[in-house]
Amino acid sequence: MSAEAAARAALDAHVREIVRWHFGADTGTPVWLGFAREAAFDPIRDVGGIDDLIAAFPPFDGERLRTDPHERWIPRAFAGRPFTIFETGGTTGMPKQRIGWDDYKRDYELFSATLPDDSYPRCGFWLMVGPTGPRRLRLAIEYLANLRGSSCYFVDLDPRWVKKLIAKGDGAGAKSYRAHVIEQATVLLRHRKIDVVFTTPRLLEALGDELSLADAGVKGVMCGGTEMSPQTVRFLVEEVLEGRVAFRPVYGNTLMGLAACDPSTLTGGYSVTYHAPEPFASLRATDPTDARKLVPYGERGRVELTTLTRELFLPRFLERDEAIRRPPCAAWPWDGVGEVRPFHEPGTRIIEGVY
């Protein structure tokens, strides 16, 4: 059996397991037990793998993450266990939220295994410059650092505030806030020994305007949060990091976990490809006019996420991203998504802020 066939078989088996869990009488989640009572199909009987799931389930309505009581998302098997509440984004109004227990630990344990020790050394110090507060990223990055024997400094950023400033045309206010964040990070980089930095592309560029990260002793950078075109990646690698600091793009969110970058894509024209942490999450580049269809390899489609863990089953969530469908690679024998950028829906305005 080829690696791709084995990975697909593993994904199908995992789909069956997770569907049985969330629709089972003893372990099931109220949201999905209620769905099953009204559905025209039997999820446990009729969903034998990812293809059946795509055919049977409609795209998930993300607004429910704003409106559903958290209690409806607690699997019966987790009843009585306190949970953590994570925000998934937003600018104003009620944010989307998900609850969780230990998924983020597993996600970052898997990701840690992809990091080389020479450029992301163990038993050192990390610095995260980005959104903390109610977002899963703060716990996840600290857990990743701790997992590798390291401790982590934090400089907080409130993306909702930045987006509000930009939305009302206050460019000066947004720049002032960014300068405030960068000043705090620069002080730490100048006065503390920091081996690894996690931040966003725009903040990384702003840090590079203040000091040489290589000269400051940084060995590795992880960068994510917004669009990174090949031109942006090349600029960050060659100019900001001076070709002397390892660079690892990442793509993830509170619902998916963390998709890993295929390192070979950084040497092939700086066009970054990410692969989801299957079988716990699956990404598809879909036809914007028919989300059940995949776009051909090399073409852009809207990113669709299916989350498949015992904590959260979320079928066919259409992200606000688009990407190029990329083929499997040696490290991850399933489809990837390349050059991720915001999905532009007619009549909408996208504000990325300092991401």
Protein backbone atom coordinates (compact mmCIF):
# COMPACT_ATOMS: atom_id res chain seq x y z
CA MET A 1 0.00 0.00 0.00
CA SER A 2 1.36 3.42 -0.93
CA ALA A 3 1.89 6.11 1.70
CA GLU A 4 -1.01 8.09 0.27
CA ALA A 5 -3.35 5.10 0.37
CA ALA A 6 -2.29 4.29 3.93
CA ALA A 7 -2.89 7.88 5.04
CA ARG A 8 -6.33 7.87 3.41
CA ALA A 9 -7.23 4.58 5.11
CA ALA A 10 -6.12 6.02 8.45
CA LEU A 11 -8.22 9.16 7.89
CA ASP A 12 -11.31 7.10 6.99
CA ALA A 13 -10.89 4.92 10.08
CA HIS A 14 -10.52 8.04 12.24
CA VAL A 15 -13.64 9.59 10.69
CA ARG A 16 -15.63 6.48 11.65
CA GLU A 17 -14.26 6.59 15.19
CA ILE A 18 -15.04 10.28 15.71
CA VAL A 19 -18.53 10.03 14.23
CA ARG A 20 -19.31 7.08 16.53
CA TRP A 21 -18.00 9.13 19.48
CA HIS A 22 -19.98 12.33 18.83
CA PHE A 23 -23.19 10.54 17.79
CA GLY A 24 -23.02 7.72 20.33
CA ALA A 25 -25.58 7.57 23.14
CA ASP A 26 -22.95 7.33 25.87
CA THR A 27 -20.25 9.67 24.58
CA GLY A 28 -22.10 11.93 22.15
CA THR A 29 -22.31 15.72 21.94
CA PRO A 30 -25.76 17.32 22.39
CA VAL A 31 -25.38 19.40 19.23
CA TRP A 32 -24.78 16.30 17.12
CA LEU A 33 -27.25 14.05 18.91
CA GLY A 34 -29.89 16.65 18.10
CA PHE A 35 -28.70 16.86 14.50
CA ALA A 36 -29.01 13.07 14.13
CA ARG A 37 -32.64 13.11 15.28
CA GLU A 38 -33.54 15.47 12.43
CA ALA A 39 -31.16 14.20 9.74
CA ALA A 40 -32.23 12.21 6.71
CA PHE A 41 -29.35 9.80 7.28
CA ASP A 42 -27.81 7.82 10.12
CA PRO A 43 -24.30 9.24 10.72
CA ILE A 44 -22.98 6.13 12.48
CA ARG A 45 -24.33 3.77 9.84
CA ASP A 46 -23.85 5.86 6.70
CA VAL A 47 -20.53 7.66 7.23
CA GLY A 48 -17.74 5.22 6.45
CA GLY A 49 -15.03 7.75 5.66
CA ILE A 50 -14.20 11.29 4.61
CA ASP A 51 -15.97 11.06 1.24
CA ASP A 52 -19.22 9.99 2.93
CA LEU A 53 -18.85 12.83 5.41
CA ILE A 54 -18.41 15.41 2.63
CA ALA A 55 -21.43 14.03 0.77
CA ALA A 56 -23.71 13.81 3.81
CA PHE A 57 -23.04 16.93 5.88
CA PRO A 58 -23.77 20.50 4.79
CA PRO A 59 -21.17 23.20 5.46
CA PHE A 60 -21.14 24.08 9.14
CA ASP A 61 -22.70 27.43 10.06
CA GLY A 62 -19.93 29.26 11.88
CA GLU A 63 -22.39 31.71 13.45
CA ARG A 64 -23.35 28.95 15.85
CA LEU A 65 -19.98 29.41 17.53
CA ARG A 66 -21.33 32.80 18.61
CA THR A 67 -24.82 31.73 19.62
CA ASP A 68 -24.88 28.12 20.88
CA PRO A 69 -24.61 27.64 24.65
CA HIS A 70 -21.30 25.98 25.51
CA GLU A 71 -23.15 23.18 27.26
CA ARG A 72 -24.39 21.89 23.93
CA TRP A 73 -20.79 21.32 22.83
CA ILE A 74 -19.71 19.17 25.77
CA PRO A 75 -19.48 15.49 24.81
CA ARG A 76 -21.30 13.34 27.35
CA ALA A 77 -18.02 11.57 28.02
CA PHE A 78 -16.57 14.91 29.24
CA ALA A 79 -19.51 15.85 31.47
CA GLY A 80 -18.42 17.55 34.68
CA ARG A 81 -14.94 18.46 33.43
CA PRO A 82 -14.13 22.19 33.46
CA PHE A 83 -13.18 23.44 30.02
CA THR A 84 -11.17 26.28 28.56
CA ILE A 85 -12.95 28.87 26.38
CA PHE A 86 -11.06 30.10 23.34
CA GLU A 87 -11.95 32.93 20.97
CA THR A 88 -11.53 32.28 17.28
CA GLY A 89 -11.41 35.87 16.04
CA GLY A 90 -13.67 38.80 15.31
CA THR A 91 -13.48 42.58 15.26
CA THR A 92 -16.58 43.80 17.08
CA GLY A 93 -19.57 42.21 18.74
CA MET A 94 -19.79 38.69 20.09
CA PRO A 95 -16.68 36.68 19.13
CA LYS A 96 -16.81 33.13 17.87
CA GLN A 97 -15.75 30.72 20.59
CA ARG A 98 -14.94 27.06 21.06
CA ILE A 99 -14.41 25.08 24.21
CA GLY A 100 -11.58 22.63 24.72
CA TRP A 101 -9.59 20.47 27.06
CA ASP A 102 -6.35 18.95 25.76
CA ASP A 103 -6.50 19.18 21.95
CA TYR A 104 -4.00 22.01 21.82
CA LYS A 105 -1.43 19.90 23.66
CA ARG A 106 -1.66 17.07 21.16
CA ASP A 107 -1.54 19.52 18.24
CA TYR A 108 1.69 21.09 19.42
CA GLU A 109 3.26 17.80 20.43
CA LEU A 110 2.87 16.71 16.81
CA PHE A 111 4.26 20.01 15.57
CA SER A 112 7.22 19.90 17.95
CA ALA A 113 8.39 16.70 16.28
CA THR A 114 8.86 18.63 13.02
CA LEU A 115 11.24 21.23 14.51
CA PRO A 116 15.01 20.71 14.25
CA ASP A 117 16.89 21.10 17.53
CA ASP A 118 19.72 23.15 16.04
CA SER A 119 17.53 26.11 15.07
CA TYR A 120 14.73 25.58 17.62
CA PRO A 121 16.95 24.50 20.53
CA ARG A 122 15.74 22.78 23.63
CA CYS A 123 16.18 24.23 27.12
CA GLY A 124 16.29 27.85 25.95
CA PHE A 125 14.02 30.89 25.93
CA TRP A 126 11.21 31.84 23.55
CA LEU A 127 9.40 35.11 22.85
CA MET A 128 5.85 35.31 21.53
CA VAL A 129 4.77 38.67 20.09
CA GLY A 130 1.10 38.40 19.20
CA PRO A 131 -2.45 37.90 20.47
CA THR A 132 -2.67 36.25 23.90
CA GLY A 133 -5.65 36.83 26.23
CA PRO A 134 -8.60 34.57 25.37
CA ARG A 135 -6.90 32.98 22.36
CA ARG A 136 -5.64 29.43 22.30
CA LEU A 137 -2.35 30.53 20.76
CA ARG A 138 -1.00 31.85 24.04
CA LEU A 139 -1.41 28.54 25.87
CA ALA A 140 -0.26 26.58 22.83
CA ILE A 141 3.00 28.46 22.29
CA GLU A 142 3.90 28.29 25.96
CA TYR A 143 3.12 24.57 25.96
CA LEU A 144 5.29 24.08 22.87
CA ALA A 145 8.18 25.94 24.50
CA ASN A 146 7.77 23.98 27.74
CA LEU A 147 7.55 20.72 25.81
CA ARG A 148 10.99 21.49 24.42
CA GLY A 149 12.38 22.34 27.87
CA SER A 150 12.11 26.10 27.32
CA SER A 151 10.37 29.05 28.96
CA CYS A 152 8.53 31.78 27.12
CA TYR A 153 8.24 35.58 27.31
CA PHE A 154 5.10 37.27 25.99
CA VAL A 155 4.25 40.64 24.47
CA ASP A 156 0.50 40.94 24.03
CA LEU A 157 -1.33 42.33 21.03
CA ASP A 158 -5.08 43.01 20.84
CA PRO A 159 -6.07 42.37 17.21
CA ARG A 160 -9.65 43.50 17.75
CA TRP A 161 -8.41 46.96 18.78
CA VAL A 162 -6.08 47.22 15.78
CA LYS A 163 -8.85 46.22 13.38
CA LYS A 164 -11.20 48.80 14.90
CA LEU A 165 -8.58 51.52 14.42
CA ILE A 166 -8.07 50.55 10.78
CA ALA A 167 -11.82 50.23 10.12
CA LYS A 168 -12.41 53.83 11.21
CA GLY A 169 -9.45 55.10 9.18
CA ASP A 170 -7.15 55.78 12.12
CA GLY A 171 -3.93 54.67 10.45
CA ALA A 172 -1.82 56.78 12.79
CA GLY A 173 -3.39 55.13 15.81
CA ALA A 174 -2.72 51.67 14.40
CA LYS A 175 0.91 52.54 13.71
CA SER A 176 1.29 53.96 17.19
CA TYR A 177 -0.09 50.78 18.73
CA ARG A 178 2.23 48.64 16.61
CA ALA A 179 5.18 50.78 17.74
CA HIS A 180 4.12 50.21 21.36
CA VAL A 181 4.15 46.42 20.83
CA ILE A 182 7.47 46.45 18.98
CA GLU A 183 9.12 48.61 21.65
CA GLN A 184 8.29 46.01 24.30
CA ALA A 185 9.58 43.15 22.17
CA THR A 186 12.78 45.00 21.28
CA VAL A 187 13.57 45.65 24.94
CA LEU A 188 13.31 41.93 25.67
CA LEU A 189 15.44 40.96 22.67
CA ARG A 190 18.15 43.42 23.73
CA HIS A 191 18.25 42.46 27.39
CA ARG A 192 17.32 38.76 27.50
CA LYS A 193 18.78 35.70 25.79
CA ILE A 194 16.05 34.60 23.38
CA ASP A 195 16.50 31.63 21.05
CA VAL A 196 13.12 31.44 19.28
CA VAL A 197 10.58 34.09 18.27
CA PHE A 198 6.94 33.47 17.34
CA THR A 199 5.17 36.41 15.69
CA THR A 200 3.29 37.62 12.60
CA PRO A 201 4.85 38.67 9.27
CA ARG A 202 4.19 42.38 9.74
CA LEU A 203 5.47 42.41 13.29
CA LEU A 204 8.53 40.44 12.25
CA GLU A 205 9.29 43.03 9.59
CA ALA A 206 8.85 45.81 12.15
CA LEU A 207 11.21 44.03 14.56
CA GLY A 208 13.78 43.83 11.78
CA ASP A 209 13.61 47.59 11.40
CA GLU A 210 14.73 47.96 15.03
CA LEU A 211 17.51 45.38 15.34
CA SER A 212 19.18 42.37 13.77
CA LEU A 213 17.51 39.26 15.18
CA ALA A 214 20.54 37.20 14.17
CA ASP A 215 22.90 39.48 16.09
CA ALA A 216 20.50 39.37 19.05
CA GLY A 217 21.07 35.61 19.22
CA VAL A 218 17.77 34.37 17.78
CA LYS A 219 18.22 31.00 16.09
CA GLY A 220 14.71 30.27 14.83
CA VAL A 221 11.52 32.14 13.96
CA MET A 222 7.99 30.82 13.57
CA CYS A 223 5.67 33.13 11.72
CA GLY A 224 1.96 32.98 10.99
CA GLY A 225 -1.33 34.77 11.11
CA THR A 226 -1.86 36.25 7.67
CA GLU A 227 -1.05 36.08 3.97
CA MET A 228 2.57 35.39 3.11
CA SER A 229 3.20 35.73 -0.60
CA PRO A 230 6.42 34.32 -2.08
CA GLN A 231 7.74 37.88 -2.22
CA THR A 232 7.00 38.40 1.48
CA VAL A 233 8.62 35.10 2.46
CA ARG A 234 11.73 35.88 0.46
CA PHE A 235 12.01 39.34 1.99
CA LEU A 236 11.66 37.97 5.51
CA VAL A 237 14.17 35.17 4.95
CA GLU A 238 16.80 37.14 3.05
CA GLU A 239 16.46 40.69 4.39
CA VAL A 240 14.90 40.59 7.85
CA LEU A 241 16.54 37.34 8.98
CA GLU A 242 19.60 37.88 6.79
CA GLY A 243 19.70 34.20 5.84
CA ARG A 244 21.11 33.51 9.33
CA VAL A 245 17.95 32.63 11.27
CA ALA A 246 15.78 29.59 10.55
CA PHE A 247 12.29 30.48 9.31
CA ARG A 248 9.24 28.28 9.77
CA PRO A 249 5.87 29.56 8.44
CA VAL A 250 2.81 28.16 10.20
CA TYR A 251 -0.91 28.16 9.43
CA GLY A 252 -3.47 27.40 12.06
CA ASN A 253 -6.41 28.47 14.14
CA THR A 254 -8.41 27.55 17.21
CA LEU A 255 -10.57 25.09 15.28
CA MET A 256 -7.87 23.25 13.35
CA GLY A 257 -4.71 23.27 15.38
CA LEU A 258 -1.49 23.85 13.48
CA ALA A 259 -0.75 22.98 9.86
CA ALA A 260 2.94 22.34 9.23
CA CYS A 261 4.94 23.89 6.41
CA ASP A 262 6.59 21.61 3.86
CA PRO A 263 10.21 22.83 4.25
CA SER A 264 11.01 22.00 0.63
CA THR A 265 8.59 24.71 -0.51
CA LEU A 266 10.88 27.35 0.99
CA THR A 267 13.59 26.35 -1.45
CA GLY A 268 11.28 26.20 -4.43
CA GLY A 269 10.54 29.84 -5.07
CA TYR A 270 9.38 30.67 -1.52
CA SER A 271 5.83 29.52 -2.25
CA VAL A 272 4.72 28.04 1.08
CA THR A 273 2.57 24.91 1.31
CA TYR A 274 0.91 23.73 4.52
CA HIS A 275 -0.40 20.29 5.42
CA ALA A 276 -3.12 19.80 8.04
CA PRO A 277 -2.52 17.61 11.11
CA GLU A 278 -4.42 14.62 9.73
CA PRO A 279 -6.30 12.65 10.86
CA PHE A 280 -7.34 15.17 13.54
CA ALA A 281 -8.13 17.83 10.94
CA SER A 282 -8.57 17.80 7.19
CA LEU A 283 -8.19 20.72 4.78
CA ARG A 284 -9.62 20.90 1.27
CA ALA A 285 -9.29 23.57 -1.44
CA THR A 286 -12.85 23.69 -2.74
CA ASP A 287 -14.69 25.20 -5.68
CA PRO A 288 -16.15 28.53 -4.45
CA THR A 289 -19.37 27.80 -6.38
CA ASP A 290 -19.75 24.21 -5.16
CA ALA A 291 -17.94 23.45 -1.91
CA ARG A 292 -18.31 19.68 -2.34
CA LYS A 293 -15.97 19.80 -5.32
CA LEU A 294 -12.20 20.13 -5.11
CA VAL A 295 -10.39 22.49 -7.44
CA PRO A 296 -7.68 20.91 -9.64
CA TYR A 297 -4.10 20.88 -8.37
CA GLY A 298 -2.43 24.23 -8.96
CA GLU A 299 -5.68 26.22 -8.83
CA ARG A 300 -7.09 28.38 -6.05
CA GLY A 301 -10.08 27.34 -4.00
CA ARG A 302 -11.78 28.25 -0.76
CA VAL A 303 -10.30 26.45 2.24
CA GLU A 304 -12.67 24.02 3.93
CA LEU A 305 -11.82 22.59 7.35
CA THR A 306 -13.16 19.47 9.00
CA THR A 307 -12.15 19.06 12.66
CA LEU A 308 -12.07 15.47 13.89
CA THR A 309 -11.24 15.12 17.58
CA ARG A 310 -13.09 13.72 20.58
CA GLU A 311 -13.34 17.25 21.90
CA LEU A 312 -14.73 18.78 18.71
CA PHE A 313 -16.41 17.47 15.57
CA LEU A 314 -16.87 20.26 13.05
CA PRO A 315 -17.66 19.08 9.51
CA ARG A 316 -17.01 21.22 6.45
CA PHE A 317 -16.34 24.63 8.00
CA LEU A 318 -15.68 27.11 5.18
CA GLU A 319 -12.77 29.27 6.27
CA ARG A 320 -12.33 32.92 5.33
CA ASP A 321 -9.22 31.84 3.42
CA GLU A 322 -8.41 30.70 -0.07
CA ALA A 323 -5.38 28.72 -1.20
CA ILE A 324 -3.78 26.80 -4.03
CA ARG A 325 -4.46 23.06 -3.94
CA ARG A 326 -1.12 21.29 -3.67
CA PRO A 327 -0.34 17.54 -3.98
CA PRO A 328 0.89 15.30 -1.14
CA CYS A 329 4.58 15.36 -0.24
CA ALA A 330 7.01 12.91 1.32
CA ALA A 331 6.49 14.11 4.88
CA TRP A 332 2.71 14.52 4.65
CA PRO A 333 1.08 12.12 2.15
CA TRP A 334 -2.13 14.09 1.76
CA ASP A 335 -3.14 17.30 -0.02
CA GLY A 336 -1.70 20.63 1.09
CA VAL A 337 -2.80 24.24 0.70
CA GLY A 338 -0.39 26.80 -0.72
CA GLU A 339 -0.06 30.59 -0.58
CA VAL A 340 -2.99 31.02 1.81
CA ARG A 341 -4.64 34.42 1.68
CA PRO A 342 -8.02 35.94 2.68
CA PHE A 343 -11.02 34.77 0.67
CA HIS A 344 -12.69 37.77 -0.91
CA GLU A 345 -16.45 37.49 -0.91
CA PRO A 346 -18.33 40.06 -3.01
CA GLY A 347 -19.38 43.07 -0.97
CA THR A 348 -17.12 42.35 1.98
CA ARG A 349 -14.08 44.19 3.30
CA ILE A 350 -11.19 42.31 4.84
CA ILE A 351 -9.10 43.93 7.56
CA GLU A 352 -5.97 42.02 8.49
CA GLY A 353 -4.57 44.57 10.94
CA VAL A 354 -1.02 43.79 12.06
CA TYR A 355 -1.27 40.12 11.22
